[in-house]
C-alpha cells in the first residue's frame, strides 16, 4: 500500500468513528430518557434497574472515564462539525465556540476557545489530516 491509500483509510475510519460517536450519544440520550420516564411513571413499586453505558474496558495503567455530555451533542463532535461546515473558511476559537453552542453542545470552561483549540488539535493528531491550524486559536478545514 502507498501513503495515499493509508490516508484514505484513515479518513474513512475517522468518519466512521465520528458516526459511531454520534450514535453513542443518541443511545445515551435514549437510556437517560427511558430511566427518567420509569422514575416518573412506574408507580408499581418495582425497582428500576439503572442502565450504564461503558465505552470500553479501561486498562489499569490509564483508567478511562466516560465523557460527560452537557448538551445535546458532544463538544468533540460539534467542534469538528463546525469547522467542516465552514468549507475552508478560517474560524477563530471564539467563533467556533459560539457555533458549537448553537448546535447544542455546552462547556463550563472559563475560556471555551482554548477548549475548541485543544479538541481540534487532538482530532488532527488522531489522524484528521484535513484540519489545519492557520493561526493561534484559528482553524480551517482543508478537505472537500
C-alpha atoms as a PDB file:
ATOM      1  CA  UNK A   1       0.000   0.000   0.000  1.00  0.00           C
ATOM      2  CA  UNK A   2       1.088   3.553  -0.589  1.00  0.00           C
ATOM      3  CA  UNK A   3       0.720   6.574   1.686  1.00  0.00           C
ATOM      4  CA  UNK A   4      -2.288   7.942  -0.240  1.00  0.00           C
ATOM      5  CA  UNK A   5      -4.190   4.683   0.312  1.00  0.00           C
ATOM      6  CA  UNK A   6      -3.339   4.725   4.010  1.00  0.00           C
ATOM      7  CA  UNK A   7      -4.512   8.354   4.292  1.00  0.00           C
ATOM      8  CA  UNK A   8      -7.793   7.417   2.586  1.00  0.00           C
ATOM      9  CA  UNK A   9      -8.281   4.540   5.003  1.00  0.00           C
ATOM     10  CA  UNK A  10      -7.519   6.799   7.969  1.00  0.00           C
ATOM     11  CA  UNK A  11     -10.048   9.350   6.736  1.00  0.00           C
ATOM     12  CA  UNK A  12     -12.710   6.654   6.300  1.00  0.00           C
ATOM     13  CA  UNK A  13     -12.003   5.235   9.748  1.00  0.00           C
ATOM     14  CA  UNK A  14     -12.210   8.673  11.357  1.00  0.00           C
ATOM     15  CA  UNK A  15     -15.519   9.356   9.608  1.00  0.00           C
ATOM     16  CA  UNK A  16     -16.895   6.008  10.808  1.00  0.00           C
ATOM     17  CA  UNK A  17     -15.661   6.748  14.337  1.00  0.00           C
ATOM     18  CA  UNK A  18     -17.453  10.112  14.236  1.00  0.00           C
ATOM     19  CA  UNK A  19     -20.669   8.366  13.144  1.00  0.00           C
ATOM     20  CA  UNK A  20     -20.330   5.850  15.979  1.00  0.00           C
ATOM     21  CA  UNK A  21     -19.734   8.652  18.487  1.00  0.00           C
ATOM     22  CA  UNK A  22     -22.905  10.370  17.318  1.00  0.00           C
ATOM     23  CA  UNK A  23     -24.868   7.105  17.526  1.00  0.00           C
ATOM     24  CA  UNK A  24     -23.498   6.507  21.029  1.00  0.00           C
ATOM     25  CA  UNK A  25     -24.690   9.954  22.130  1.00  0.00           C
ATOM     26  CA  UNK A  26     -28.176   9.251  20.761  1.00  0.00           C
ATOM     27  CA  UNK A  27     -28.312   5.892  22.556  1.00  0.00           C
ATOM     28  CA  UNK A  28     -27.134   7.514  25.780  1.00  0.00           C
ATOM     29  CA  UNK A  29     -29.939  10.057  25.432  1.00  0.00           C
ATOM     30  CA  UNK A  30     -32.473   7.261  24.962  1.00  0.00           C
ATOM     31  CA  UNK A  31     -31.212   5.494  28.082  1.00  0.00           C
ATOM     32  CA  UNK A  32     -31.462   8.654  30.164  1.00  0.00           C
ATOM     33  CA  UNK A  33     -34.933   9.346  28.764  1.00  0.00           C
ATOM     34  CA  UNK A  34     -36.231   5.844  29.479  1.00  0.00           C
ATOM     35  CA  UNK A  35     -34.801   5.895  33.001  1.00  0.00           C
ATOM     36  CA  UNK A  36     -36.473   9.262  33.627  1.00  0.00           C
ATOM     37  CA  UNK A  37     -39.770   8.032  32.251  1.00  0.00           C
ATOM     38  CA  UNK A  38     -39.633   4.975  34.501  1.00  0.00           C
ATOM     39  CA  UNK A  39     -38.897   7.138  37.554  1.00  0.00           C
ATOM     40  CA  UNK A  40     -41.920   9.312  36.786  1.00  0.00           C
ATOM     41  CA  UNK A  41     -44.417   6.708  35.650  1.00  0.00           C
ATOM     42  CA  UNK A  42     -43.527   3.364  37.210  1.00  0.00           C
ATOM     43  CA  UNK A  43     -45.777   3.565  40.268  1.00  0.00           C
ATOM     44  CA  UNK A  44     -45.943  -0.181  40.789  1.00  0.00           C
ATOM     45  CA  UNK A  45     -43.227  -0.002  43.401  1.00  0.00           C
ATOM     46  CA  UNK A  46     -40.784  -2.041  41.374  1.00  0.00           C
ATOM     47  CA  UNK A  47     -37.130  -1.165  41.439  1.00  0.00           C
ATOM     48  CA  UNK A  48     -35.800   0.452  38.284  1.00  0.00           C
ATOM     49  CA  UNK A  49     -32.556  -1.075  37.099  1.00  0.00           C
ATOM     50  CA  UNK A  50     -30.065   1.632  36.251  1.00  0.00           C
ATOM     51  CA  UNK A  51     -28.544   1.144  32.838  1.00  0.00           C
ATOM     52  CA  UNK A  52     -24.939   2.111  32.295  1.00  0.00           C
ATOM     53  CA  UNK A  53     -23.085   2.705  29.084  1.00  0.00           C
ATOM     54  CA  UNK A  54     -19.386   1.945  29.158  1.00  0.00           C
ATOM     55  CA  UNK A  55     -17.219   2.949  26.204  1.00  0.00           C
ATOM     56  CA  UNK A  56     -14.824   0.046  26.598  1.00  0.00           C
ATOM     57  CA  UNK A  57     -12.795  -1.853  29.107  1.00  0.00           C
ATOM     58  CA  UNK A  58     -10.336   0.540  30.805  1.00  0.00           C
ATOM     59  CA  UNK A  59      -6.764  -0.543  31.301  1.00  0.00           C
ATOM     60  CA  UNK A  60      -5.058  -0.464  34.680  1.00  0.00           C
ATOM     61  CA  UNK A  61      -2.387   1.977  33.534  1.00  0.00           C
ATOM     62  CA  UNK A  62      -4.809   4.558  32.130  1.00  0.00           C
ATOM     63  CA  UNK A  63      -8.319   4.366  33.562  1.00  0.00           C
ATOM     64  CA  UNK A  64     -10.847   5.951  31.234  1.00  0.00           C
ATOM     65  CA  UNK A  65     -13.860   7.971  32.173  1.00  0.00           C
ATOM     66  CA  UNK A  66     -16.927   8.215  30.058  1.00  0.00           C
ATOM     67  CA  UNK A  67     -17.185  11.771  28.701  1.00  0.00           C
ATOM     68  CA  UNK A  68     -19.998  13.775  30.196  1.00  0.00           C
ATOM     69  CA  UNK A  69     -22.309  15.272  27.629  1.00  0.00           C
ATOM     70  CA  UNK A  70     -23.738  18.516  28.963  1.00  0.00           C
ATOM     71  CA  UNK A  71     -25.717  19.438  25.864  1.00  0.00           C
ATOM     72  CA  UNK A  72     -27.421  17.602  23.046  1.00  0.00           C
ATOM     73  CA  UNK A  73     -24.187  16.806  21.166  1.00  0.00           C
ATOM     74  CA  UNK A  74     -20.656  16.170  22.374  1.00  0.00           C
ATOM     75  CA  UNK A  75     -18.195  19.053  22.257  1.00  0.00           C
ATOM     76  CA  UNK A  76     -15.768  16.954  20.261  1.00  0.00           C
ATOM     77  CA  UNK A  77     -18.251  16.119  17.514  1.00  0.00           C
ATOM     78  CA  UNK A  78     -19.736  19.608  17.418  1.00  0.00           C
ATOM     79  CA  UNK A  79     -16.303  21.222  17.125  1.00  0.00           C
ATOM     80  CA  UNK A  80     -15.311  19.025  14.214  1.00  0.00           C
ATOM     81  CA  UNK A  81     -18.684  19.563  12.528  1.00  0.00           C
ATOM     82  CA  UNK A  82     -18.469  23.367  12.819  1.00  0.00           C
ATOM     83  CA  UNK A  83     -15.029  23.531  11.215  1.00  0.00           C
ATOM     84  CA  UNK A  84     -16.082  21.098   8.471  1.00  0.00           C
ATOM     85  CA  UNK A  85     -19.224  23.087   7.673  1.00  0.00           C
ATOM     86  CA  UNK A  86     -17.199  26.318   7.323  1.00  0.00           C
ATOM     87  CA  UNK A  87     -15.971  24.945   3.960  1.00  0.00           C
ATOM     88  CA  UNK A  88     -12.365  26.094   4.273  1.00  0.00           C
ATOM     89  CA  UNK A  89     -13.057  29.442   5.905  1.00  0.00           C
ATOM     90  CA  UNK A  90     -10.685  30.004   8.866  1.00  0.00           C
ATOM     91  CA  UNK A  91     -12.527  30.230  12.176  1.00  0.00           C
ATOM     92  CA  UNK A  92     -11.204  31.609  15.445  1.00  0.00           C
ATOM     93  CA  UNK A  93     -11.844  29.674  18.641  1.00  0.00           C
ATOM     94  CA  UNK A  94     -14.420  32.229  19.846  1.00  0.00           C
ATOM     95  CA  UNK A  95     -16.440  31.806  16.650  1.00  0.00           C
ATOM     96  CA  UNK A  96     -16.118  28.020  16.823  1.00  0.00           C
ATOM     97  CA  UNK A  97     -17.295  28.101  20.456  1.00  0.00           C
ATOM     98  CA  UNK A  98     -20.356  30.205  19.627  1.00  0.00           C
ATOM     99  CA  UNK A  99     -21.304  27.938  16.700  1.00  0.00           C
ATOM    100  CA  UNK A 100     -20.759  24.831  18.830  1.00  0.00           C
ATOM    101  CA  UNK A 101     -23.068  26.297  21.472  1.00  0.00           C
ATOM    102  CA  UNK A 102     -25.673  26.965  18.759  1.00  0.00           C
ATOM    103  CA  UNK A 103     -25.522  23.249  17.884  1.00  0.00           C
ATOM    104  CA  UNK A 104     -26.392  22.376  21.476  1.00  0.00           C
ATOM    105  CA  UNK A 105     -23.008  21.442  22.931  1.00  0.00           C
ATOM    106  CA  UNK A 106     -22.022  23.090  26.188  1.00  0.00           C
ATOM    107  CA  UNK A 107     -18.922  23.622  28.254  1.00  0.00           C
ATOM    108  CA  UNK A 108     -18.346  25.152  31.638  1.00  0.00           C
ATOM    109  CA  UNK A 109     -14.795  26.215  30.724  1.00  0.00           C
ATOM    110  CA  UNK A 110     -13.738  29.754  31.557  1.00  0.00           C
ATOM    111  CA  UNK A 111     -12.059  30.052  28.134  1.00  0.00           C
ATOM    112  CA  UNK A 112     -14.067  27.900  25.692  1.00  0.00           C
ATOM    113  CA  UNK A 113     -11.938  28.999  22.713  1.00  0.00           C
ATOM    114  CA  UNK A 114      -8.987  27.185  24.298  1.00  0.00           C
ATOM    115  CA  UNK A 115     -11.096  24.034  24.684  1.00  0.00           C
ATOM    116  CA  UNK A 116     -12.023  24.216  20.986  1.00  0.00           C
ATOM    117  CA  UNK A 117      -8.328  24.578  20.107  1.00  0.00           C
ATOM    118  CA  UNK A 118      -7.421  21.569  22.241  1.00  0.00           C
ATOM    119  CA  UNK A 119     -10.176  19.408  20.753  1.00  0.00           C
ATOM    120  CA  UNK A 120      -9.199  20.260  17.186  1.00  0.00           C
ATOM    121  CA  UNK A 121      -5.527  19.689  17.947  1.00  0.00           C
ATOM    122  CA  UNK A 122      -6.482  16.291  19.355  1.00  0.00           C
ATOM    123  CA  UNK A 123      -8.540  15.416  16.255  1.00  0.00           C
ATOM    124  CA  UNK A 124      -5.644  16.372  13.997  1.00  0.00           C
ATOM    125  CA  UNK A 125      -3.205  14.243  15.984  1.00  0.00           C
ATOM    126  CA  UNK A 126      -5.564  11.268  15.800  1.00  0.00           C
ATOM    127  CA  UNK A 127      -5.439  11.275  12.009  1.00  0.00           C
ATOM    128  CA  UNK A 128      -7.848  14.009  10.914  1.00  0.00           C
ATOM    129  CA  UNK A 129      -5.390  15.459   8.399  1.00  0.00           C
ATOM    130  CA  UNK A 130      -7.978  17.760   6.824  1.00  0.00           C
ATOM    131  CA  UNK A 131      -7.722  20.083   9.831  1.00  0.00           C
ATOM    132  CA  UNK A 132      -5.253  22.909   9.564  1.00  0.00           C
ATOM    133  CA  UNK A 133      -4.207  25.386  12.220  1.00  0.00           C
ATOM    134  CA  UNK A 134      -3.709  28.683  10.393  1.00  0.00           C
ATOM    135  CA  UNK A 135      -3.026  30.957  13.379  1.00  0.00           C
ATOM    136  CA  UNK A 136      -3.201  30.771  17.159  1.00  0.00           C
ATOM    137  CA  UNK A 137      -6.683  29.508  18.106  1.00  0.00           C
ATOM    138  CA  UNK A 138      -7.688  29.626  14.412  1.00  0.00           C
ATOM    139  CA  UNK A 139      -8.532  26.524  12.361  1.00  0.00           C
ATOM    140  CA  UNK A 140      -9.849  25.687   8.919  1.00  0.00           C
ATOM    141  CA  UNK A 141     -10.984  22.559   7.075  1.00  0.00           C
ATOM    142  CA  UNK A 142      -8.776  21.952   4.065  1.00  0.00           C
ATOM    143  CA  UNK A 143     -10.586  18.839   2.825  1.00  0.00           C
ATOM    144  CA  UNK A 144     -13.533  18.516   0.491  1.00  0.00           C
END
